[in-house]
Amino acid sequence: MLDRFQQGTVLLKRVTLSPGQNEWDPPVETPATYPLKASVRRLHQRYENGVLIVETGDLVTFAVPAVVPELTDTLIIDGVERAITNLTPIPAAGTTVAWKAWCEA
């Protein structure tokens, strides 16, 4: 279904740190991106743990990518990098078939 309704370009970006050549060198960042089959929906309010939160952001629903997403990853939506503020597997128990990620606008 996400193949059919895919909107724009959405990538999952993960940055890994490797130690520098010498112990006093700063760590080296290595970014990796993974294309997502996703749909993006703008929201202005949402319920989280039974509390109404009013803020503008995007809800990104995407199929299971090549790596398990983490809150430290970022999403690149049509070329704009966005921080993930909430990440939920669908369904909450059992084998994950999709993910929901909330990104602030």
C-alpha atoms as a PDB file:
ATOM      1  CA  MET A   1       0.000   0.000   0.000  1.00  0.00           C
ATOM      2  CA  LEU A   2       2.813   2.449   0.834  1.00  0.00           C
ATOM      3  CA  ASP A   3       4.301   1.782  -2.635  1.00  0.00           C
ATOM      4  CA  ARG A   4       1.109   2.960  -4.286  1.00  0.00           C
ATOM      5  CA  PHE A   5       0.605   6.097  -2.167  1.00  0.00           C
ATOM      6  CA  GLN A   6       4.272   7.079  -1.752  1.00  0.00           C
ATOM      7  CA  GLN A   7       4.579  10.869  -1.526  1.00  0.00           C
ATOM      8  CA  GLY A   8       7.788  12.720  -2.353  1.00  0.00           C
ATOM      9  CA  THR A   9      11.142  11.401  -1.225  1.00  0.00           C
ATOM     10  CA  VAL A  10      11.673  10.175   2.326  1.00  0.00           C
ATOM     11  CA  LEU A  11      15.001   8.839   3.583  1.00  0.00           C
ATOM     12  CA  LEU A  12      16.096   7.492   6.953  1.00  0.00           C
ATOM     13  CA  LYS A  13      19.527   8.888   7.893  1.00  0.00           C
ATOM     14  CA  ARG A  14      21.783   7.266  10.461  1.00  0.00           C
ATOM     15  CA  VAL A  15      25.147   8.685  11.510  1.00  0.00           C
ATOM     16  CA  THR A  16      27.657   6.295  13.052  1.00  0.00           C
ATOM     17  CA  LEU A  17      30.765   7.442  14.904  1.00  0.00           C
ATOM     18  CA  SER A  18      34.141   5.777  14.429  1.00  0.00           C
ATOM     19  CA  PRO A  19      37.177   6.594  16.552  1.00  0.00           C
ATOM     20  CA  GLY A  20      39.756   8.896  14.965  1.00  0.00           C
ATOM     21  CA  GLN A  21      43.092   7.632  13.694  1.00  0.00           C
ATOM     22  CA  ASN A  22      44.732   8.707  16.968  1.00  0.00           C
ATOM     23  CA  GLU A  23      43.069   8.684  20.378  1.00  0.00           C
ATOM     24  CA  TRP A  24      43.173  12.506  20.526  1.00  0.00           C
ATOM     25  CA  ASP A  25      41.477  12.888  17.141  1.00  0.00           C
ATOM     26  CA  PRO A  26      37.736  13.601  17.186  1.00  0.00           C
ATOM     27  CA  PRO A  27      35.438  10.750  16.117  1.00  0.00           C
ATOM     28  CA  VAL A  28      34.669  10.432  12.417  1.00  0.00           C
ATOM     29  CA  GLU A  29      30.998  10.651  11.425  1.00  0.00           C
ATOM     30  CA  THR A  30      29.810   8.270   8.724  1.00  0.00           C
ATOM     31  CA  PRO A  31      26.285   9.000   7.454  1.00  0.00           C
ATOM     32  CA  ALA A  32      24.172   6.305   5.789  1.00  0.00           C
ATOM     33  CA  THR A  33      20.763   6.847   4.187  1.00  0.00           C
ATOM     34  CA  TYR A  34      18.032   4.320   3.515  1.00  0.00           C
ATOM     35  CA  PRO A  35      15.125   5.052   1.127  1.00  0.00           C
ATOM     36  CA  LEU A  36      11.679   4.600   2.669  1.00  0.00           C
ATOM     37  CA  LYS A  37       8.297   3.695   1.234  1.00  0.00           C
ATOM     38  CA  ALA A  38       6.378   6.295   3.193  1.00  0.00           C
ATOM     39  CA  SER A  39       3.446   8.661   3.416  1.00  0.00           C
ATOM     40  CA  VAL A  40       3.682  12.017   5.209  1.00  0.00           C
ATOM     41  CA  ARG A  41       0.722  13.710   6.894  1.00  0.00           C
ATOM     42  CA  ARG A  42       0.739  17.178   8.494  1.00  0.00           C
ATOM     43  CA  LEU A  43      -0.860  17.267  11.949  1.00  0.00           C
ATOM     44  CA  HIS A  44      -1.668  20.153  14.250  1.00  0.00           C
ATOM     45  CA  GLN A  45      -2.729  18.206  17.323  1.00  0.00           C
ATOM     46  CA  ARG A  46      -2.365  14.658  18.599  1.00  0.00           C
ATOM     47  CA  TYR A  47      -3.032  12.523  21.632  1.00  0.00           C
ATOM     48  CA  GLU A  48      -0.047  11.048  23.406  1.00  0.00           C
ATOM     49  CA  ASN A  49      -0.632   8.910  26.502  1.00  0.00           C
ATOM     50  CA  GLY A  50      -4.139  10.345  26.800  1.00  0.00           C
ATOM     51  CA  VAL A  51      -2.958  13.971  26.750  1.00  0.00           C
ATOM     52  CA  LEU A  52      -3.866  16.369  23.939  1.00  0.00           C
ATOM     53  CA  ILE A  53      -0.728  17.964  22.495  1.00  0.00           C
ATOM     54  CA  VAL A  54      -1.223  20.933  20.178  1.00  0.00           C
ATOM     55  CA  GLU A  55       1.754  21.536  17.893  1.00  0.00           C
ATOM     56  CA  THR A  56       2.444  21.400  14.185  1.00  0.00           C
ATOM     57  CA  GLY A  57       4.406  18.468  12.842  1.00  0.00           C
ATOM     58  CA  ASP A  58       4.421  15.604  10.398  1.00  0.00           C
ATOM     59  CA  LEU A  59       3.364  12.026  10.995  1.00  0.00           C
ATOM     60  CA  VAL A  60       5.418   9.756   8.739  1.00  0.00           C
ATOM     61  CA  THR A  61       4.184   6.201   8.240  1.00  0.00           C
ATOM     62  CA  PHE A  62       6.718   3.960   6.535  1.00  0.00           C
ATOM     63  CA  ALA A  63       7.302   0.321   5.685  1.00  0.00           C
ATOM     64  CA  VAL A  64       9.988  -1.618   7.556  1.00  0.00           C
ATOM     65  CA  PRO A  65      13.390  -0.357   6.297  1.00  0.00           C
ATOM     66  CA  ALA A  66      16.677  -2.258   5.943  1.00  0.00           C
ATOM     67  CA  VAL A  67      17.646  -1.225   9.507  1.00  0.00           C
ATOM     68  CA  VAL A  68      15.581  -0.897  12.675  1.00  0.00           C
ATOM     69  CA  PRO A  69      14.893   2.852  13.133  1.00  0.00           C
ATOM     70  CA  GLU A  70      16.012   4.605  16.308  1.00  0.00           C
ATOM     71  CA  LEU A  71      15.147   7.951  17.910  1.00  0.00           C
ATOM     72  CA  THR A  72      18.706   9.120  17.202  1.00  0.00           C
ATOM     73  CA  ASP A  73      18.115   8.756  13.446  1.00  0.00           C
ATOM     74  CA  THR A  74      16.705  11.569  11.331  1.00  0.00           C
ATOM     75  CA  LEU A  75      14.248  11.629   8.445  1.00  0.00           C
ATOM     76  CA  ILE A  76      14.953  13.530   5.254  1.00  0.00           C
ATOM     77  CA  ILE A  77      11.613  14.612   3.771  1.00  0.00           C
ATOM     78  CA  ASP A  78      11.940  16.113   0.289  1.00  0.00           C
ATOM     79  CA  GLY A  79      15.514  17.205   1.036  1.00  0.00           C
ATOM     80  CA  VAL A  80      14.852  18.688   4.503  1.00  0.00           C
ATOM     81  CA  GLU A  81      16.387  16.871   7.467  1.00  0.00           C
ATOM     82  CA  ARG A  82      14.013  16.479  10.429  1.00  0.00           C
ATOM     83  CA  ALA A  83      14.558  15.072  13.924  1.00  0.00           C
ATOM     84  CA  ILE A  84      12.378  12.173  15.044  1.00  0.00           C
ATOM     85  CA  THR A  85      10.592  13.010  18.307  1.00  0.00           C
ATOM     86  CA  ASN A  86       8.453   9.881  18.647  1.00  0.00           C
ATOM     87  CA  LEU A  87       8.796   6.446  17.034  1.00  0.00           C
ATOM     88  CA  THR A  88       6.250   3.624  17.236  1.00  0.00           C
ATOM     89  CA  PRO A  89       6.168   0.178  15.605  1.00  0.00           C
ATOM     90  CA  ILE A  90       2.911  -1.062  14.066  1.00  0.00           C
ATOM     91  CA  PRO A  91       1.573  -3.277  15.625  1.00  0.00           C
ATOM     92  CA  ALA A  92       2.914  -2.572  19.098  1.00  0.00           C
ATOM     93  CA  ALA A  93       3.414  -6.303  19.761  1.00  0.00           C
ATOM     94  CA  GLY A  94       4.450  -9.071  17.423  1.00  0.00           C
ATOM     95  CA  THR A  95       6.135  -8.738  14.036  1.00  0.00           C
ATOM     96  CA  THR A  96       6.523  -5.111  12.948  1.00  0.00           C
ATOM     97  CA  VAL A  97       5.008  -4.372   9.523  1.00  0.00           C
ATOM     98  CA  ALA A  98       5.357  -0.562   9.546  1.00  0.00           C
ATOM     99  CA  TRP A  99       6.581   2.352  11.662  1.00  0.00           C
ATOM    100  CA  LYS A 100       5.073   5.704  12.664  1.00  0.00           C
ATOM    101  CA  ALA A 101       7.439   8.601  13.293  1.00  0.00           C
ATOM    102  CA  TRP A 102       6.537  12.085  14.524  1.00  0.00           C
ATOM    103  CA  CYS A 103       8.702  14.970  13.284  1.00  0.00           C
ATOM    104  CA  GLU A 104       8.274  18.565  14.413  1.00  0.00           C
ATOM    105  CA  ALA A 105       7.736  21.112  11.650  1.00  0.00           C
END
